[in-house]
Amino acid sequence: MYNDWNETANELSKLFQDFRKAHPEVAKGFSSLAQAASADGALAAKDKELMAVAIGIATHCEGCIAFHTKAAAKQGATREEIVETIGLCIYMGGGPSFAYGAQALEAFDQFSGSNG
C-alpha cells in the first residue's frame, strides 16, 4: 500500500478544523462554495466528484485525491468510472498523471472496499 487514504483524509480534516477555528469566516465561505459547486444540478453530484478527482490528479494534490475519491465512492461511482477518469488524466497529463492516477485508484479502492 502506497498510502493509507483514510488516514490522509482524517489528518487533513484535523488540520482543516484548526484553520476553521483560526479563520471561521473563510472556512465557512469555502464550505458554502464546496456545497454549492458539488450539488446535483445539470451535472450529477457523482459526475462532479469524478471531475474533482481528475483535477486532484492534474494538480498533484493528495488531499484532493483523498477527499474526492471518498466522495465519489459515497456518490456511487464505480471502479470502472474511476479508471476511465484516470485514463483521461493520463492522456491529458502524461507521466505525472499516471503516478497520481495510480494513487487515486488505490484511494478509491480503500474507500469503496474494492479489491480491483
PDB file of N, CA and C in Angstrom:
ATOM      1  N   MET A   1       0.844  -1.172   0.000  1.00  0.00           N
ATOM      2  CA  MET A   1       0.000   0.000   0.000  1.00  0.00           C
ATOM      3  C   MET A   1       0.892   1.240   0.000  1.00  0.00           C
ATOM      4  N   TYR A   2       0.603   2.146  -0.904  1.00  0.00           N
ATOM      5  CA  TYR A   2       1.371   3.384  -1.014  1.00  0.00           C
ATOM      6  C   TYR A   2       0.988   4.358   0.096  1.00  0.00           C
ATOM      7  N   ASN A   3      -0.302   4.460   0.350  1.00  0.00           N
ATOM      8  CA  ASN A   3      -0.775   5.447   1.302  1.00  0.00           C
ATOM      9  C   ASN A   3      -2.025   4.910   1.988  1.00  0.00           C
ATOM     10  N   ASP A   4      -2.223   5.261   3.239  1.00  0.00           N
ATOM     11  CA  ASP A   4      -3.462   4.973   3.940  1.00  0.00           C
ATOM     12  C   ASP A   4      -4.354   6.196   3.730  1.00  0.00           C
ATOM     13  N   TRP A   5      -5.260   6.095   2.770  1.00  0.00           N
ATOM     14  CA  TRP A   5      -6.045   7.255   2.345  1.00  0.00           C
ATOM     15  C   TRP A   5      -7.053   7.681   3.390  1.00  0.00           C
ATOM     16  N   ASN A   6      -7.557   6.744   4.188  1.00  0.00           N
ATOM     17  CA  ASN A   6      -8.423   7.144   5.300  1.00  0.00           C
ATOM     18  C   ASN A   6      -7.652   8.008   6.279  1.00  0.00           C
ATOM     19  N   GLU A   7      -6.418   7.609   6.573  1.00  0.00           N
ATOM     20  CA  GLU A   7      -5.583   8.388   7.485  1.00  0.00           C
ATOM     21  C   GLU A   7      -5.267   9.761   6.886  1.00  0.00           C
ATOM     22  N   THR A   8      -4.977   9.805   5.590  1.00  0.00           N
ATOM     23  CA  THR A   8      -4.724  11.085   4.927  1.00  0.00           C
ATOM     24  C   THR A   8      -5.924  12.009   5.081  1.00  0.00           C
ATOM     25  N   ALA A   9      -7.121  11.497   4.782  1.00  0.00           N
ATOM     26  CA  ALA A   9      -8.335  12.309   4.894  1.00  0.00           C
ATOM     27  C   ALA A   9      -8.577  12.747   6.338  1.00  0.00           C
ATOM     28  N   ASN A  10      -8.364  11.842   7.284  1.00  0.00           N
ATOM     29  CA  ASN A  10      -8.583  12.179   8.690  1.00  0.00           C
ATOM     30  C   ASN A  10      -7.607  13.234   9.192  1.00  0.00           C
ATOM     31  N   GLU A  11      -6.336  13.088   8.837  1.00  0.00           N
ATOM     32  CA  GLU A  11      -5.328  14.058   9.277  1.00  0.00           C
ATOM     33  C   GLU A  11      -5.595  15.440   8.679  1.00  0.00           C
ATOM     34  N   LEU A  12      -5.945  15.472   7.393  1.00  0.00           N
ATOM     35  CA  LEU A  12      -6.259  16.766   6.780  1.00  0.00           C
ATOM     36  C   LEU A  12      -7.511  17.383   7.393  1.00  0.00           C
ATOM     37  N   SER A  13      -8.480  16.556   7.718  1.00  0.00           N
ATOM     38  CA  SER A  13      -9.691  17.070   8.363  1.00  0.00           C
ATOM     39  C   SER A  13      -9.354  17.750   9.684  1.00  0.00           C
ATOM     40  N   LYS A  14      -8.425  17.163  10.431  1.00  0.00           N
ATOM     41  CA  LYS A  14      -7.986  17.782  11.692  1.00  0.00           C
ATOM     42  C   LYS A  14      -7.327  19.130  11.433  1.00  0.00           C
ATOM     43  N   LEU A  15      -6.484  19.185  10.413  1.00  0.00           N
ATOM     44  CA  LEU A  15      -5.832  20.455  10.077  1.00  0.00           C
ATOM     45  C   LEU A  15      -6.858  21.494   9.626  1.00  0.00           C
ATOM     46  N   PHE A  16      -7.851  21.054   8.867  1.00  0.00           N
ATOM     47  CA  PHE A  16      -8.910  21.974   8.437  1.00  0.00           C
ATOM     48  C   PHE A  16      -9.687  22.504   9.632  1.00  0.00           C
ATOM     49  N   GLN A  17      -9.929  21.655  10.622  1.00  0.00           N
ATOM     50  CA  GLN A  17     -10.626  22.108  11.824  1.00  0.00           C
ATOM     51  C   GLN A  17      -9.819  23.184  12.540  1.00  0.00           C
ATOM     52  N   ASP A  18      -8.510  22.997  12.609  1.00  0.00           N
ATOM     53  CA  ASP A  18      -7.651  24.008  13.231  1.00  0.00           C
ATOM     54  C   ASP A  18      -7.767  25.338  12.487  1.00  0.00           C
ATOM     55  N   PHE A  19      -7.779  25.274  11.163  1.00  0.00           N
ATOM     56  CA  PHE A  19      -7.907  26.512  10.398  1.00  0.00           C
ATOM     57  C   PHE A  19      -9.296  27.123  10.581  1.00  0.00           C
ATOM     58  N   ARG A  20     -10.322  26.289  10.640  1.00  0.00           N
ATOM     59  CA  ARG A  20     -11.686  26.798  10.844  1.00  0.00           C
ATOM     60  C   ARG A  20     -11.772  27.606  12.137  1.00  0.00           C
ATOM     61  N   LYS A  21     -11.078  27.144  13.172  1.00  0.00           N
ATOM     62  CA  LYS A  21     -11.068  27.875  14.438  1.00  0.00           C
ATOM     63  C   LYS A  21     -10.313  29.197  14.302  1.00  0.00           C
ATOM     64  N   ALA A  22      -9.244  29.181  13.513  1.00  0.00           N
ATOM     65  CA  ALA A  22      -8.415  30.372  13.359  1.00  0.00           C
ATOM     66  C   ALA A  22      -9.058  31.411  12.446  1.00  0.00           C
ATOM     67  N   HIS A  23      -9.800  30.956  11.428  1.00  0.00           N
ATOM     68  CA  HIS A  23     -10.386  31.897  10.463  1.00  0.00           C
ATOM     69  C   HIS A  23     -11.745  31.375  10.007  1.00  0.00           C
ATOM     70  N   PRO A  24     -12.737  31.423  10.889  1.00  0.00           N
ATOM     71  CA  PRO A  24     -14.030  30.812  10.603  1.00  0.00           C
ATOM     72  C   PRO A  24     -14.754  31.399   9.390  1.00  0.00           C
ATOM     73  N   GLU A  25     -14.574  32.679   9.127  1.00  0.00           N
ATOM     74  CA  GLU A  25     -15.284  33.293   8.005  1.00  0.00           C
ATOM     75  C   GLU A  25     -14.837  32.698   6.673  1.00  0.00           C
ATOM     76  N   VAL A  26     -13.546  32.528   6.495  1.00  0.00           N
ATOM     77  CA  VAL A  26     -13.026  31.949   5.257  1.00  0.00           C
ATOM     78  C   VAL A  26     -13.442  30.487   5.143  1.00  0.00           C
ATOM     79  N   ALA A  27     -13.337  29.751   6.231  1.00  0.00           N
ATOM     80  CA  ALA A  27     -13.709  28.341   6.211  1.00  0.00           C
ATOM     81  C   ALA A  27     -15.193  28.174   5.881  1.00  0.00           C
ATOM     82  N   LYS A  28     -16.029  29.026   6.451  1.00  0.00           N
ATOM     83  CA  LYS A  28     -17.465  28.956   6.172  1.00  0.00           C
ATOM     84  C   LYS A  28     -17.736  29.272   4.701  1.00  0.00           C
ATOM     85  N   GLY A  29     -17.051  30.265   4.174  1.00  0.00           N
ATOM     86  CA  GLY A  29     -17.217  30.613   2.763  1.00  0.00           C
ATOM     87  C   GLY A  29     -16.792  29.481   1.838  1.00  0.00           C
ATOM     88  N   PHE A  30     -15.663  28.864   2.158  1.00  0.00           N
ATOM     89  CA  PHE A  30     -15.185  27.744   1.345  1.00  0.00           C
ATOM     90  C   PHE A  30     -16.169  26.582   1.406  1.00  0.00           C
ATOM     91  N   SER A  31     -16.674  26.292   2.593  1.00  0.00           N
ATOM     92  CA  SER A  31     -17.634  25.195   2.761  1.00  0.00           C
ATOM     93  C   SER A  31     -18.907  25.451   1.961  1.00  0.00           C
ATOM     94  N   SER A  32     -19.387  26.681   1.992  1.00  0.00           N
ATOM     95  CA  SER A  32     -20.579  27.035   1.210  1.00  0.00           C
ATOM     96  C   SER A  32     -20.318  26.879  -0.278  1.00  0.00           C
ATOM     97  N   LEU A  33     -19.151  27.322  -0.726  1.00  0.00           N
ATOM     98  CA  LEU A  33     -18.779  27.184  -2.133  1.00  0.00           C
ATOM     99  C   LEU A  33     -18.713  25.710  -2.528  1.00  0.00           C
ATOM    100  N   ALA A  34     -18.093  24.900  -1.691  1.00  0.00           N
ATOM    101  CA  ALA A  34     -17.965  23.475  -1.980  1.00  0.00           C
ATOM    102  C   ALA A  34     -19.334  22.811  -2.086  1.00  0.00           C
ATOM    103  N   GLN A  35     -20.224  23.126  -1.167  1.00  0.00           N
ATOM    104  CA  GLN A  35     -21.566  22.536  -1.200  1.00  0.00           C
ATOM    105  C   GLN A  35     -22.328  22.960  -2.447  1.00  0.00           C
ATOM    106  N   ALA A  36     -22.255  24.223  -2.789  1.00  0.00           N
ATOM    107  CA  ALA A  36     -22.973  24.716  -3.966  1.00  0.00           C
ATOM    108  C   ALA A  36     -22.404  24.132  -5.252  1.00  0.00           C
ATOM    109  N   ALA A  37     -21.089  24.057  -5.343  1.00  0.00           N
ATOM    110  CA  ALA A  37     -20.451  23.570  -6.570  1.00  0.00           C
ATOM    111  C   ALA A  37     -20.659  22.078  -6.779  1.00  0.00           C
ATOM    112  N   SER A  38     -20.776  21.312  -5.709  1.00  0.00           N
ATOM    113  CA  SER A  38     -20.848  19.857  -5.839  1.00  0.00           C
ATOM    114  C   SER A  38     -22.268  19.298  -5.787  1.00  0.00           C
ATOM    115  N   ALA A  39     -23.260  20.149  -5.615  1.00  0.00           N
ATOM    116  CA  ALA A  39     -24.644  19.681  -5.532  1.00  0.00           C
ATOM    117  C   ALA A  39     -25.142  19.218  -6.905  1.00  0.00           C
ATOM    118  N   ASP A  40     -26.125  18.320  -6.876  1.00  0.00           N
ATOM    119  CA  ASP A  40     -26.773  17.910  -8.124  1.00  0.00           C
ATOM    120  C   ASP A  40     -27.324  19.130  -8.848  1.00  0.00           C
ATOM    121  N   GLY A  41     -27.194  19.121 -10.133  1.00  0.00           N
ATOM    122  CA  GLY A  41     -27.729  20.173 -10.990  1.00  0.00           C
ATOM    123  C   GLY A  41     -27.790  19.613 -12.400  1.00  0.00           C
ATOM    124  N   ALA A  42     -27.344  20.380 -13.380  1.00  0.00           N
ATOM    125  CA  ALA A  42     -27.272  19.871 -14.748  1.00  0.00           C
ATOM    126  C   ALA A  42     -26.336  18.666 -14.806  1.00  0.00           C
ATOM    127  N   LEU A  43     -25.328  18.668 -13.939  1.00  0.00           N
ATOM    128  CA  LEU A  43     -24.437  17.513 -13.770  1.00  0.00           C
ATOM    129  C   LEU A  43     -24.748  16.867 -12.433  1.00  0.00           C
ATOM    130  N   ALA A  44     -24.745  15.549 -12.414  1.00  0.00           N
ATOM    131  CA  ALA A  44     -24.979  14.825 -11.173  1.00  0.00           C
ATOM    132  C   ALA A  44     -23.794  15.014 -10.228  1.00  0.00           C
ATOM    133  N   ALA A  45     -24.067  14.964  -8.935  1.00  0.00           N
ATOM    134  CA  ALA A  45     -23.012  15.119  -7.933  1.00  0.00           C
ATOM    135  C   ALA A  45     -21.901  14.099  -8.148  1.00  0.00           C
ATOM    136  N   LYS A  46     -22.244  12.879  -8.530  1.00  0.00           N
ATOM    137  CA  LYS A  46     -21.227  11.847  -8.782  1.00  0.00           C
ATOM    138  C   LYS A  46     -20.291  12.285  -9.910  1.00  0.00           C
ATOM    139  N   ASP A  47     -20.852  12.816 -10.973  1.00  0.00           N
ATOM    140  CA  ASP A  47     -20.021  13.265 -12.095  1.00  0.00           C
ATOM    141  C   ASP A  47     -19.108  14.417 -11.680  1.00  0.00           C
ATOM    142  N   LYS A  48     -19.617  15.280 -10.830  1.00  0.00           N
ATOM    143  CA  LYS A  48     -18.800  16.384 -10.331  1.00  0.00           C
ATOM    144  C   LYS A  48     -17.651  15.862  -9.474  1.00  0.00           C
ATOM    145  N   GLU A  49     -17.895  14.823  -8.689  1.00  0.00           N
ATOM    146  CA  GLU A  49     -16.817  14.239  -7.889  1.00  0.00           C
ATOM    147  C   GLU A  49     -15.769  13.580  -8.778  1.00  0.00           C
ATOM    148  N   LEU A  50     -16.202  12.935  -9.863  1.00  0.00           N
ATOM    149  CA  LEU A  50     -15.234  12.376 -10.806  1.00  0.00           C
ATOM    150  C   LEU A  50     -14.387  13.485 -11.419  1.00  0.00           C
ATOM    151  N   MET A  51     -15.006  14.620 -11.722  1.00  0.00           N
ATOM    152  CA  MET A  51     -14.253  15.766 -12.227  1.00  0.00           C
ATOM    153  C   MET A  51     -13.259  16.267 -11.180  1.00  0.00           C
ATOM    154  N   ALA A  52     -13.692  16.293  -9.931  1.00  0.00           N
ATOM    155  CA  ALA A  52     -12.804  16.748  -8.856  1.00  0.00           C
ATOM    156  C   ALA A  52     -11.632  15.790  -8.669  1.00  0.00           C
ATOM    157  N   VAL A  53     -11.876  14.479  -8.827  1.00  0.00           N
ATOM    158  CA  VAL A  53     -10.772  13.514  -8.776  1.00  0.00           C
ATOM    159  C   VAL A  53      -9.783  13.836  -9.888  1.00  0.00           C
ATOM    160  N   ALA A  54     -10.287  14.090 -11.086  1.00  0.00           N
ATOM    161  CA  ALA A  54      -9.412  14.413 -12.216  1.00  0.00           C
ATOM    162  C   ALA A  54      -8.590  15.669 -11.940  1.00  0.00           C
ATOM    163  N   ILE A  55      -9.211  16.668 -11.384  1.00  0.00           N
ATOM    164  CA  ILE A  55      -8.495  17.910 -11.075  1.00  0.00           C
ATOM    165  C   ILE A  55      -7.454  17.663  -9.987  1.00  0.00           C
ATOM    166  N   GLY A  56      -7.791  16.843  -9.001  1.00  0.00           N
ATOM    167  CA  GLY A  56      -6.827  16.490  -7.958  1.00  0.00           C
ATOM    168  C   GLY A  56      -5.607  15.792  -8.534  1.00  0.00           C
ATOM    169  N   ILE A  57      -5.844  14.883  -9.481  1.00  0.00           N
ATOM    170  CA  ILE A  57      -4.730  14.201 -10.148  1.00  0.00           C
ATOM    171  C   ILE A  57      -3.902  15.211 -10.934  1.00  0.00           C
ATOM    172  N   ALA A  58      -4.574  16.056 -11.710  1.00  0.00           N
ATOM    173  CA  ALA A  58      -3.875  17.015 -12.576  1.00  0.00           C
ATOM    174  C   ALA A  58      -3.056  18.021 -11.781  1.00  0.00           C
ATOM    175  N   THR A  59      -3.531  18.375 -10.596  1.00  0.00           N
ATOM    176  CA  THR A  59      -2.812  19.367  -9.781  1.00  0.00           C
ATOM    177  C   THR A  59      -1.876  18.726  -8.755  1.00  0.00           C
ATOM    178  N   HIS A  60      -1.809  17.385  -8.783  1.00  0.00           N
ATOM    179  CA  HIS A  60      -0.922  16.631  -7.886  1.00  0.00           C
ATOM    180  C   HIS A  60      -1.244  16.893  -6.421  1.00  0.00           C
ATOM    181  N   CYS A  61      -2.531  16.890  -6.103  1.00  0.00           N
ATOM    182  CA  CYS A  61      -2.992  17.189  -4.742  1.00  0.00           C
ATOM    183  C   CYS A  61      -3.487  15.917  -4.068  1.00  0.00           C
ATOM    184  N   GLU A  62      -2.658  15.350  -3.185  1.00  0.00           N
ATOM    185  CA  GLU A  62      -3.041  14.123  -2.496  1.00  0.00           C
ATOM    186  C   GLU A  62      -4.269  14.328  -1.613  1.00  0.00           C
ATOM    187  N   GLY A  63      -4.397  15.486  -0.989  1.00  0.00           N
ATOM    188  CA  GLY A  63      -5.586  15.761  -0.182  1.00  0.00           C
ATOM    189  C   GLY A  63      -6.840  15.758  -1.028  1.00  0.00           C
ATOM    190  N   CYS A  64      -6.765  16.367  -2.209  1.00  0.00           N
ATOM    191  CA  CYS A  64      -7.910  16.376  -3.125  1.00  0.00           C
ATOM    192  C   CYS A  64      -8.250  14.958  -3.555  1.00  0.00           C
ATOM    193  N   ILE A  65      -7.236  14.164  -3.854  1.00  0.00           N
ATOM    194  CA  ILE A  65      -7.465  12.774  -4.236  1.00  0.00           C
ATOM    195  C   ILE A  65      -8.174  12.044  -3.097  1.00  0.00           C
ATOM    196  N   ALA A  66      -7.697  12.229  -1.880  1.00  0.00           N
ATOM    197  CA  ALA A  66      -8.310  11.550  -0.733  1.00  0.00           C
ATOM    198  C   ALA A  66      -9.769  11.946  -0.572  1.00  0.00           C
ATOM    199  N   PHE A  67     -10.046  13.233  -0.511  1.00  0.00           N
ATOM    200  CA  PHE A  67     -11.406  13.684  -0.254  1.00  0.00           C
ATOM    201  C   PHE A  67     -12.355  13.357  -1.400  1.00  0.00           C
ATOM    202  N   HIS A  68     -11.899  13.517  -2.631  1.00  0.00           N
ATOM    203  CA  HIS A  68     -12.822  13.357  -3.756  1.00  0.00           C
ATOM    204  C   HIS A  68     -12.993  11.911  -4.197  1.00  0.00           C
ATOM    205  N   THR A  69     -12.002  11.046  -3.980  1.00  0.00           N
ATOM    206  CA  THR A  69     -12.269   9.629  -4.236  1.00  0.00           C
ATOM    207  C   THR A  69     -13.225   9.085  -3.180  1.00  0.00           C
ATOM    208  N   LYS A  70     -13.078   9.551  -1.946  1.00  0.00           N
ATOM    209  CA  LYS A  70     -14.004   9.148  -0.888  1.00  0.00           C
ATOM    210  C   LYS A  70     -15.423   9.606  -1.238  1.00  0.00           C
ATOM    211  N   ALA A  71     -15.548  10.854  -1.661  1.00  0.00           N
ATOM    212  CA  ALA A  71     -16.869  11.383  -2.023  1.00  0.00           C
ATOM    213  C   ALA A  71     -17.430  10.676  -3.255  1.00  0.00           C
ATOM    214  N   ALA A  72     -16.580  10.369  -4.232  1.00  0.00           N
ATOM    215  CA  ALA A  72     -17.043   9.656  -5.426  1.00  0.00           C
ATOM    216  C   ALA A  72     -17.574   8.281  -5.045  1.00  0.00           C
ATOM    217  N   ALA A  73     -16.876   7.592  -4.163  1.00  0.00           N
ATOM    218  CA  ALA A  73     -17.348   6.279  -3.704  1.00  0.00           C
ATOM    219  C   ALA A  73     -18.700   6.418  -3.008  1.00  0.00           C
ATOM    220  N   LYS A  74     -18.844   7.439  -2.166  1.00  0.00           N
ATOM    221  CA  LYS A  74     -20.116   7.659  -1.472  1.00  0.00           C
ATOM    222  C   LYS A  74     -21.240   8.003  -2.442  1.00  0.00           C
ATOM    223  N   GLN A  75     -20.902   8.661  -3.547  1.00  0.00           N
ATOM    224  CA  GLN A  75     -21.901   9.042  -4.547  1.00  0.00           C
ATOM    225  C   GLN A  75     -22.245   7.883  -5.484  1.00  0.00           C
ATOM    226  N   GLY A  76     -21.580   6.735  -5.302  1.00  0.00           N
ATOM    227  CA  GLY A  76     -21.900   5.563  -6.101  1.00  0.00           C
ATOM    228  C   GLY A  76     -21.046   5.356  -7.333  1.00  0.00           C
ATOM    229  N   ALA A  77     -19.931   6.084  -7.429  1.00  0.00           N
ATOM    230  CA  ALA A  77     -19.034   5.876  -8.567  1.00  0.00           C
ATOM    231  C   ALA A  77     -18.514   4.445  -8.554  1.00  0.00           C
ATOM    232  N   THR A  78     -18.320   3.904  -9.729  1.00  0.00           N
ATOM    233  CA  THR A  78     -17.782   2.553  -9.842  1.00  0.00           C
ATOM    234  C   THR A  78     -16.279   2.621 -10.063  1.00  0.00           C
ATOM    235  N   ARG A  79     -15.637   1.513  -9.853  1.00  0.00           N
ATOM    236  CA  ARG A  79     -14.196   1.427 -10.111  1.00  0.00           C
ATOM    237  C   ARG A  79     -13.918   1.710 -11.582  1.00  0.00           C
ATOM    238  N   GLU A  80     -14.782   1.214 -12.457  1.00  0.00           N
ATOM    239  CA  GLU A  80     -14.603   1.445 -13.891  1.00  0.00           C
ATOM    240  C   GLU A  80     -14.671   2.934 -14.228  1.00  0.00           C
ATOM    241  N   GLU A  81     -15.564   3.672 -13.560  1.00  0.00           N
ATOM    242  CA  GLU A  81     -15.648   5.119 -13.792  1.00  0.00           C
ATOM    243  C   GLU A  81     -14.382   5.821 -13.314  1.00  0.00           C
ATOM    244  N   ILE A  82     -13.854   5.392 -12.176  1.00  0.00           N
ATOM    245  CA  ILE A  82     -12.603   5.960 -11.679  1.00  0.00           C
ATOM    246  C   ILE A  82     -11.470   5.649 -12.648  1.00  0.00           C
ATOM    247  N   VAL A  83     -11.402   4.402 -13.123  1.00  0.00           N
ATOM    248  CA  VAL A  83     -10.344   4.004 -14.051  1.00  0.00           C
ATOM    249  C   VAL A  83     -10.418   4.841 -15.334  1.00  0.00           C
ATOM    250  N   GLU A  84     -11.620   5.063 -15.869  1.00  0.00           N
ATOM    251  CA  GLU A  84     -11.739   5.880 -17.082  1.00  0.00           C
ATOM    252  C   GLU A  84     -11.375   7.338 -16.814  1.00  0.00           C
ATOM    253  N   THR A  85     -11.725   7.835 -15.640  1.00  0.00           N
ATOM    254  CA  THR A  85     -11.331   9.199 -15.261  1.00  0.00           C
ATOM    255  C   THR A  85      -9.810   9.305 -15.214  1.00  0.00           C
ATOM    256  N   ILE A  86      -9.170   8.323 -14.610  1.00  0.00           N
ATOM    257  CA  ILE A  86      -7.706   8.306 -14.529  1.00  0.00           C
ATOM    258  C   ILE A  86      -7.103   8.197 -15.925  1.00  0.00           C
ATOM    259  N   GLY A  87      -7.694   7.365 -16.784  1.00  0.00           N
ATOM    260  CA  GLY A  87      -7.199   7.231 -18.153  1.00  0.00           C
ATOM    261  C   GLY A  87      -7.200   8.552 -18.898  1.00  0.00           C
ATOM    262  N   LEU A  88      -8.247   9.337 -18.739  1.00  0.00           N
ATOM    263  CA  LEU A  88      -8.296  10.649 -19.386  1.00  0.00           C
ATOM    264  C   LEU A  88      -7.227  11.575 -18.807  1.00  0.00           C
ATOM    265  N   CYS A  89      -7.012  11.479 -17.499  1.00  0.00           N
ATOM    266  CA  CYS A  89      -5.962  12.295 -16.869  1.00  0.00           C
ATOM    267  C   CYS A  89      -4.586  11.926 -17.410  1.00  0.00           C
ATOM    268  N   ILE A  90      -4.335  10.649 -17.603  1.00  0.00           N
ATOM    269  CA  ILE A  90      -3.043  10.220 -18.141  1.00  0.00           C
ATOM    270  C   ILE A  90      -2.867  10.741 -19.558  1.00  0.00           C
ATOM    271  N   TYR A  91      -3.922  10.644 -20.352  1.00  0.00           N
ATOM    272  CA  TYR A  91      -3.878  11.176 -21.723  1.00  0.00           C
ATOM    273  C   TYR A  91      -3.543  12.664 -21.710  1.00  0.00           C
ATOM    274  N   MET A  92      -4.184  13.419 -20.841  1.00  0.00           N
ATOM    275  CA  MET A  92      -4.001  14.869 -20.816  1.00  0.00           C
ATOM    276  C   MET A  92      -2.753  15.305 -20.052  1.00  0.00           C
ATOM    277  N   GLY A  93      -2.305  14.494 -19.089  1.00  0.00           N
ATOM    278  CA  GLY A  93      -1.232  14.946 -18.219  1.00  0.00           C
ATOM    279  C   GLY A  93       0.031  14.114 -18.217  1.00  0.00           C
ATOM    280  N   GLY A  94       0.082  13.034 -18.973  1.00  0.00           N
ATOM    281  CA  GLY A  94       1.286  12.232 -19.090  1.00  0.00           C
ATOM    282  C   GLY A  94       1.694  11.524 -17.810  1.00  0.00           C
ATOM    283  N   GLY A  95       3.009  11.364 -17.649  1.00  0.00           N
ATOM    284  CA  GLY A  95       3.583  10.593 -16.543  1.00  0.00           C
ATOM    285  C   GLY A  95       3.157  11.039 -15.164  1.00  0.00           C
ATOM    286  N   PRO A  96       3.171  12.346 -14.847  1.00  0.00           N
ATOM    287  CA  PRO A  96       2.734  12.744 -13.512  1.00  0.00           C
ATOM    288  C   PRO A  96       1.290  12.329 -13.224  1.00  0.00           C
ATOM    289  N   SER A  97       0.440  12.420 -14.233  1.00  0.00           N
ATOM    290  CA  SER A  97      -0.943  11.994 -14.029  1.00  0.00           C
ATOM    291  C   SER A  97      -1.028  10.483 -13.839  1.00  0.00           C
ATOM    292  N   PHE A  98      -0.132   9.740 -14.478  1.00  0.00           N
ATOM    293  CA  PHE A  98      -0.099   8.285 -14.280  1.00  0.00           C
ATOM    294  C   PHE A  98       0.223   7.982 -12.816  1.00  0.00           C
ATOM    295  N   ALA A  99       1.215   8.673 -12.253  1.00  0.00           N
ATOM    296  CA  ALA A  99       1.609   8.434 -10.861  1.00  0.00           C
ATOM    297  C   ALA A  99       0.481   8.811  -9.897  1.00  0.00           C
ATOM    298  N   TYR A 100      -0.106   9.981 -10.075  1.00  0.00           N
ATOM    299  CA  TYR A 100      -1.177  10.404  -9.180  1.00  0.00           C
ATOM    300  C   TYR A 100      -2.458   9.643  -9.461  1.00  0.00           C
ATOM    301  N   GLY A 101      -2.665   9.230 -10.713  1.00  0.00           N
ATOM    302  CA  GLY A 101      -3.824   8.412 -11.038  1.00  0.00           C
ATOM    303  C   GLY A 101      -3.777   7.070 -10.352  1.00  0.00           C
ATOM    304  N   ALA A 102      -2.596   6.461 -10.305  1.00  0.00           N
ATOM    305  CA  ALA A 102      -2.447   5.185  -9.601  1.00  0.00           C
ATOM    306  C   ALA A 102      -2.767   5.360  -8.120  1.00  0.00           C
ATOM    307  N   GLN A 103      -2.371   6.489  -7.551  1.00  0.00           N
ATOM    308  CA  GLN A 103      -2.703   6.766  -6.155  1.00  0.00           C
ATOM    309  C   GLN A 103      -4.211   6.948  -5.992  1.00  0.00           C
ATOM    310  N   ALA A 104      -4.850   7.615  -6.948  1.00  0.00           N
ATOM    311  CA  ALA A 104      -6.297   7.820  -6.869  1.00  0.00           C
ATOM    312  C   ALA A 104      -7.036   6.486  -6.921  1.00  0.00           C
ATOM    313  N   LEU A 105      -6.563   5.563  -7.756  1.00  0.00           N
ATOM    314  CA  LEU A 105      -7.196   4.253  -7.823  1.00  0.00           C
ATOM    315  C   LEU A 105      -7.041   3.512  -6.493  1.00  0.00           C
ATOM    316  N   GLU A 106      -5.863   3.584  -5.901  1.00  0.00           N
ATOM    317  CA  GLU A 106      -5.658   2.962  -4.595  1.00  0.00           C
ATOM    318  C   GLU A 106      -6.594   3.590  -3.565  1.00  0.00           C
ATOM    319  N   ALA A 107      -6.706   4.915  -3.585  1.00  0.00           N
ATOM    320  CA  ALA A 107      -7.587   5.599  -2.635  1.00  0.00           C
ATOM    321  C   ALA A 107      -9.033   5.152  -2.828  1.00  0.00           C
ATOM    322  N   PHE A 108      -9.497   5.116  -4.083  1.00  0.00           N
ATOM    323  CA  PHE A 108     -10.866   4.689  -4.348  1.00  0.00           C
ATOM    324  C   PHE A 108     -11.092   3.269  -3.846  1.00  0.00           C
ATOM    325  N   ASP A 109     -10.148   2.386  -4.120  1.00  0.00           N
ATOM    326  CA  ASP A 109     -10.279   1.001  -3.669  1.00  0.00           C
ATOM    327  C   ASP A 109     -10.388   0.922  -2.155  1.00  0.00           C
ATOM    328  N   GLN A 110      -9.628   1.748  -1.441  1.00  0.00           N
ATOM    329  CA  GLN A 110      -9.703   1.741   0.016  1.00  0.00           C
ATOM    330  C   GLN A 110     -11.055   2.258   0.500  1.00  0.00           C
ATOM    331  N   PHE A 111     -11.535   3.350  -0.108  1.00  0.00           N
ATOM    332  CA  PHE A 111     -12.787   3.943   0.343  1.00  0.00           C
ATOM    333  C   PHE A 111     -14.015   3.137  -0.064  1.00  0.00           C
ATOM    334  N   SER A 112     -13.954   2.462  -1.206  1.00  0.00           N
ATOM    335  CA  SER A 112     -15.121   1.724  -1.703  1.00  0.00           C
ATOM    336  C   SER A 112     -15.122   0.266  -1.262  1.00  0.00           C
ATOM    337  N   GLY A 113     -14.000  -0.201  -0.731  1.00  0.00           N
ATOM    338  CA  GLY A 113     -13.895  -1.597  -0.339  1.00  0.00           C
ATOM    339  C   GLY A 113     -13.625  -2.516  -1.516  1.00  0.00           C
ATOM    340  N   SER A 114     -13.272  -1.938  -2.659  1.00  0.00           N
ATOM    341  CA  SER A 114     -12.983  -2.722  -3.860  1.00  0.00           C
ATOM    342  C   SER A 114     -11.570  -3.284  -3.783  1.00  0.00           C
ATOM    343  N   ASN A 115     -11.390  -4.470  -4.315  1.00  0.00           N
ATOM    344  CA  ASN A 115     -10.054  -5.076  -4.347  1.00  0.00           C
ATOM    345  C   ASN A 115      -9.458  -5.079  -5.738  1.00  0.00           C
ATOM    346  N   GLY A 116     -10.105  -4.402  -6.653  1.00  0.00           N
ATOM    347  CA  GLY A 116      -9.585  -4.337  -8.011  1.00  0.00           C
ATOM    348  C   GLY A 116      -9.944  -5.516  -8.734  1.00  0.00           C
TER     349      GLY A 116
END
